[in-house]
Amino acid sequence: MIRLIEYWIVRALLFTLRCTPYRLAHWLARRVARLAFHFNATPRDRAIRHVNLAYRGAPPGGGAEQIALEAYESIARHVVEVAHVRHRDRVAAESHGRHRGPHPPVFWES
């Protein structure tokens, strides 16, 4: 039941981000990321623990919590980017030159 509630919260957030202007969506997503960081203890503690593991102890300046918070905010920025891609097929076709294979075409040799 909790997963279903989380699902609908995320769907509502995505809908809201799609309907808001780009800059406002970034501001809103950053605030939601900070709320999630402060109120969702298990993933927050796991992120801080992983930062400490990556630095083999505390990072310089003891900023494991700040690094973990910035990771949450980075994810929020990516969510906004995805929410604001309105014409995914057109963007993909333009970026790959309408190539349908697994890789974009090679236009020059190195």
C-alpha atoms as a PDB file:
ATOM      1  CA  MET A   1       0.000   0.000   0.000  1.00  0.00           C
ATOM      2  CA  ILE A   2       2.888   2.373   0.799  1.00  0.00           C
ATOM      3  CA  ARG A   3       4.381   1.787  -2.669  1.00  0.00           C
ATOM      4  CA  LEU A   4       1.072   2.699  -4.279  1.00  0.00           C
ATOM      5  CA  ILE A   5       0.888   5.930  -2.303  1.00  0.00           C
ATOM      6  CA  GLU A   6       4.496   6.740  -3.263  1.00  0.00           C
ATOM      7  CA  TYR A   7       3.650   6.022  -6.896  1.00  0.00           C
ATOM      8  CA  TRP A   8       0.744   8.468  -6.912  1.00  0.00           C
ATOM      9  CA  ILE A   9       2.805  11.117  -5.143  1.00  0.00           C
ATOM     10  CA  VAL A  10       5.502  10.827  -7.802  1.00  0.00           C
ATOM     11  CA  ARG A  11       2.897  10.930 -10.600  1.00  0.00           C
ATOM     12  CA  ALA A  12       1.344  14.060  -9.110  1.00  0.00           C
ATOM     13  CA  LEU A  13       4.774  15.666  -8.772  1.00  0.00           C
ATOM     14  CA  LEU A  14       5.644  14.882 -12.408  1.00  0.00           C
ATOM     15  CA  PHE A  15       2.330  16.300 -13.560  1.00  0.00           C
ATOM     16  CA  THR A  16       2.959  19.450 -11.544  1.00  0.00           C
ATOM     17  CA  LEU A  17       6.491  19.811 -12.910  1.00  0.00           C
ATOM     18  CA  ARG A  18       5.238  19.413 -16.484  1.00  0.00           C
ATOM     19  CA  CYS A  19       2.621  22.124 -15.985  1.00  0.00           C
ATOM     20  CA  THR A  20       4.891  24.686 -14.355  1.00  0.00           C
ATOM     21  CA  PRO A  21       7.384  26.958 -16.112  1.00  0.00           C
ATOM     22  CA  TYR A  22      10.924  25.632 -16.359  1.00  0.00           C
ATOM     23  CA  ARG A  23      12.551  27.852 -13.697  1.00  0.00           C
ATOM     24  CA  LEU A  24       9.690  27.381 -11.257  1.00  0.00           C
ATOM     25  CA  ALA A  25       9.859  23.618 -11.827  1.00  0.00           C
ATOM     26  CA  HIS A  26      13.553  23.639 -10.874  1.00  0.00           C
ATOM     27  CA  TRP A  27      12.823  25.629  -7.727  1.00  0.00           C
ATOM     28  CA  LEU A  28       9.956  23.329  -6.768  1.00  0.00           C
ATOM     29  CA  ALA A  29      11.942  20.150  -7.453  1.00  0.00           C
ATOM     30  CA  ARG A  30      14.825  21.408  -5.336  1.00  0.00           C
ATOM     31  CA  ARG A  31      12.472  22.071  -2.422  1.00  0.00           C
ATOM     32  CA  VAL A  32      10.886  18.628  -2.755  1.00  0.00           C
ATOM     33  CA  ALA A  33      14.358  17.039  -2.862  1.00  0.00           C
ATOM     34  CA  ARG A  34      15.309  18.820   0.356  1.00  0.00           C
ATOM     35  CA  LEU A  35      12.090  17.682   2.019  1.00  0.00           C
ATOM     36  CA  ALA A  36      12.697  14.103   0.896  1.00  0.00           C
ATOM     37  CA  PHE A  37      16.259  14.292   2.210  1.00  0.00           C
ATOM     38  CA  HIS A  38      15.223  15.548   5.635  1.00  0.00           C
ATOM     39  CA  PHE A  39      12.132  13.400   6.172  1.00  0.00           C
ATOM     40  CA  ASN A  40      13.122  10.101   4.548  1.00  0.00           C
ATOM     41  CA  ALA A  41      15.707   8.776   7.006  1.00  0.00           C
ATOM     42  CA  THR A  42      16.615   5.379   5.536  1.00  0.00           C
ATOM     43  CA  PRO A  43      17.682   6.531   2.039  1.00  0.00           C
ATOM     44  CA  ARG A  44      19.339   9.619   3.533  1.00  0.00           C
ATOM     45  CA  ASP A  45      21.417   7.531   5.953  1.00  0.00           C
ATOM     46  CA  ARG A  46      22.282   5.111   3.161  1.00  0.00           C
ATOM     47  CA  ALA A  47      23.448   7.977   0.925  1.00  0.00           C
ATOM     48  CA  ILE A  48      25.597   9.441   3.700  1.00  0.00           C
ATOM     49  CA  ARG A  49      27.061   6.003   4.421  1.00  0.00           C
ATOM     50  CA  HIS A  50      27.899   5.559   0.705  1.00  0.00           C
ATOM     51  CA  VAL A  51      29.598   8.961   0.580  1.00  0.00           C
ATOM     52  CA  ASN A  52      31.713   7.957   3.576  1.00  0.00           C
ATOM     53  CA  LEU A  53      32.564   4.667   1.866  1.00  0.00           C
ATOM     54  CA  ALA A  54      33.567   6.476  -1.313  1.00  0.00           C
ATOM     55  CA  TYR A  55      35.951   8.714   0.629  1.00  0.00           C
ATOM     56  CA  ARG A  56      37.137   5.845   2.886  1.00  0.00           C
ATOM     57  CA  GLY A  57      36.003   7.724   5.940  1.00  0.00           C
ATOM     58  CA  ALA A  58      34.693  11.226   6.264  1.00  0.00           C
ATOM     59  CA  PRO A  59      35.178  13.442   3.192  1.00  0.00           C
ATOM     60  CA  PRO A  60      37.410  16.511   3.497  1.00  0.00           C
ATOM     61  CA  GLY A  61      35.716  19.081   5.682  1.00  0.00           C
ATOM     62  CA  GLY A  62      33.282  16.466   7.052  1.00  0.00           C
ATOM     63  CA  GLY A  63      30.651  17.249   4.422  1.00  0.00           C
ATOM     64  CA  ALA A  64      29.125  13.809   3.820  1.00  0.00           C
ATOM     65  CA  GLU A  65      25.653  15.110   4.591  1.00  0.00           C
ATOM     66  CA  GLN A  66      26.091  18.085   2.239  1.00  0.00           C
ATOM     67  CA  ILE A  67      27.319  15.834  -0.589  1.00  0.00           C
ATOM     68  CA  ALA A  68      24.354  13.499  -0.083  1.00  0.00           C
ATOM     69  CA  LEU A  69      21.950  16.465  -0.128  1.00  0.00           C
ATOM     70  CA  GLU A  70      23.505  17.710  -3.370  1.00  0.00           C
ATOM     71  CA  ALA A  71      22.998  14.238  -4.851  1.00  0.00           C
ATOM     72  CA  TYR A  72      19.289  14.506  -4.040  1.00  0.00           C
ATOM     73  CA  GLU A  73      19.166  17.949  -5.657  1.00  0.00           C
ATOM     74  CA  SER A  74      20.983  16.635  -8.723  1.00  0.00           C
ATOM     75  CA  ILE A  75      18.373  13.909  -9.133  1.00  0.00           C
ATOM     76  CA  ALA A  76      15.681  16.579  -8.831  1.00  0.00           C
ATOM     77  CA  ARG A  77      17.292  18.565 -11.669  1.00  0.00           C
ATOM     78  CA  HIS A  78      17.292  15.462 -13.867  1.00  0.00           C
ATOM     79  CA  VAL A  79      13.634  14.806 -13.094  1.00  0.00           C
ATOM     80  CA  VAL A  80      12.783  18.349 -14.210  1.00  0.00           C
ATOM     81  CA  GLU A  81      14.743  17.879 -17.426  1.00  0.00           C
ATOM     82  CA  VAL A  82      12.848  14.689 -18.192  1.00  0.00           C
ATOM     83  CA  ALA A  83       9.513  16.250 -17.273  1.00  0.00           C
ATOM     84  CA  HIS A  84      10.110  19.145 -19.646  1.00  0.00           C
ATOM     85  CA  VAL A  85      11.006  17.069 -22.700  1.00  0.00           C
ATOM     86  CA  ARG A  86       7.729  17.452 -24.531  1.00  0.00           C
ATOM     87  CA  HIS A  87       8.557  15.996 -27.928  1.00  0.00           C
ATOM     88  CA  ARG A  88      10.841  13.107 -27.126  1.00  0.00           C
ATOM     89  CA  ASP A  89      10.600  11.449 -30.541  1.00  0.00           C
ATOM     90  CA  ARG A  90      11.380  14.680 -32.387  1.00  0.00           C
ATOM     91  CA  VAL A  91      14.323  15.458 -30.111  1.00  0.00           C
ATOM     92  CA  ALA A  92      15.714  11.946 -30.467  1.00  0.00           C
ATOM     93  CA  ALA A  93      15.320  12.023 -34.254  1.00  0.00           C
ATOM     94  CA  GLU A  94      17.063  15.391 -34.507  1.00  0.00           C
ATOM     95  CA  SER A  95      19.902  14.388 -32.208  1.00  0.00           C
ATOM     96  CA  HIS A  96      20.575  11.157 -34.091  1.00  0.00           C
ATOM     97  CA  GLY A  97      19.975  12.470 -37.598  1.00  0.00           C
ATOM     98  CA  ARG A  98      16.922  10.221 -38.034  1.00  0.00           C
ATOM     99  CA  HIS A  99      19.131   7.134 -37.746  1.00  0.00           C
ATOM    100  CA  ARG A 100      17.179   4.099 -36.566  1.00  0.00           C
ATOM    101  CA  GLY A 101      20.091   1.798 -35.721  1.00  0.00           C
ATOM    102  CA  PRO A 102      21.618   1.183 -32.308  1.00  0.00           C
ATOM    103  CA  HIS A 103      24.263   3.889 -32.799  1.00  0.00           C
ATOM    104  CA  PRO A 104      24.192   7.318 -34.450  1.00  0.00           C
ATOM    105  CA  PRO A 105      25.775   7.435 -37.918  1.00  0.00           C
ATOM    106  CA  VAL A 106      29.464   8.262 -38.267  1.00  0.00           C
ATOM    107  CA  PHE A 107      29.941  11.379 -40.379  1.00  0.00           C
ATOM    108  CA  TRP A 108      33.736  11.471 -40.330  1.00  0.00           C
ATOM    109  CA  GLU A 109      36.623   9.181 -39.641  1.00  0.00           C
ATOM    110  CA  SER A 110      39.209  10.001 -37.003  1.00  0.00           C
END
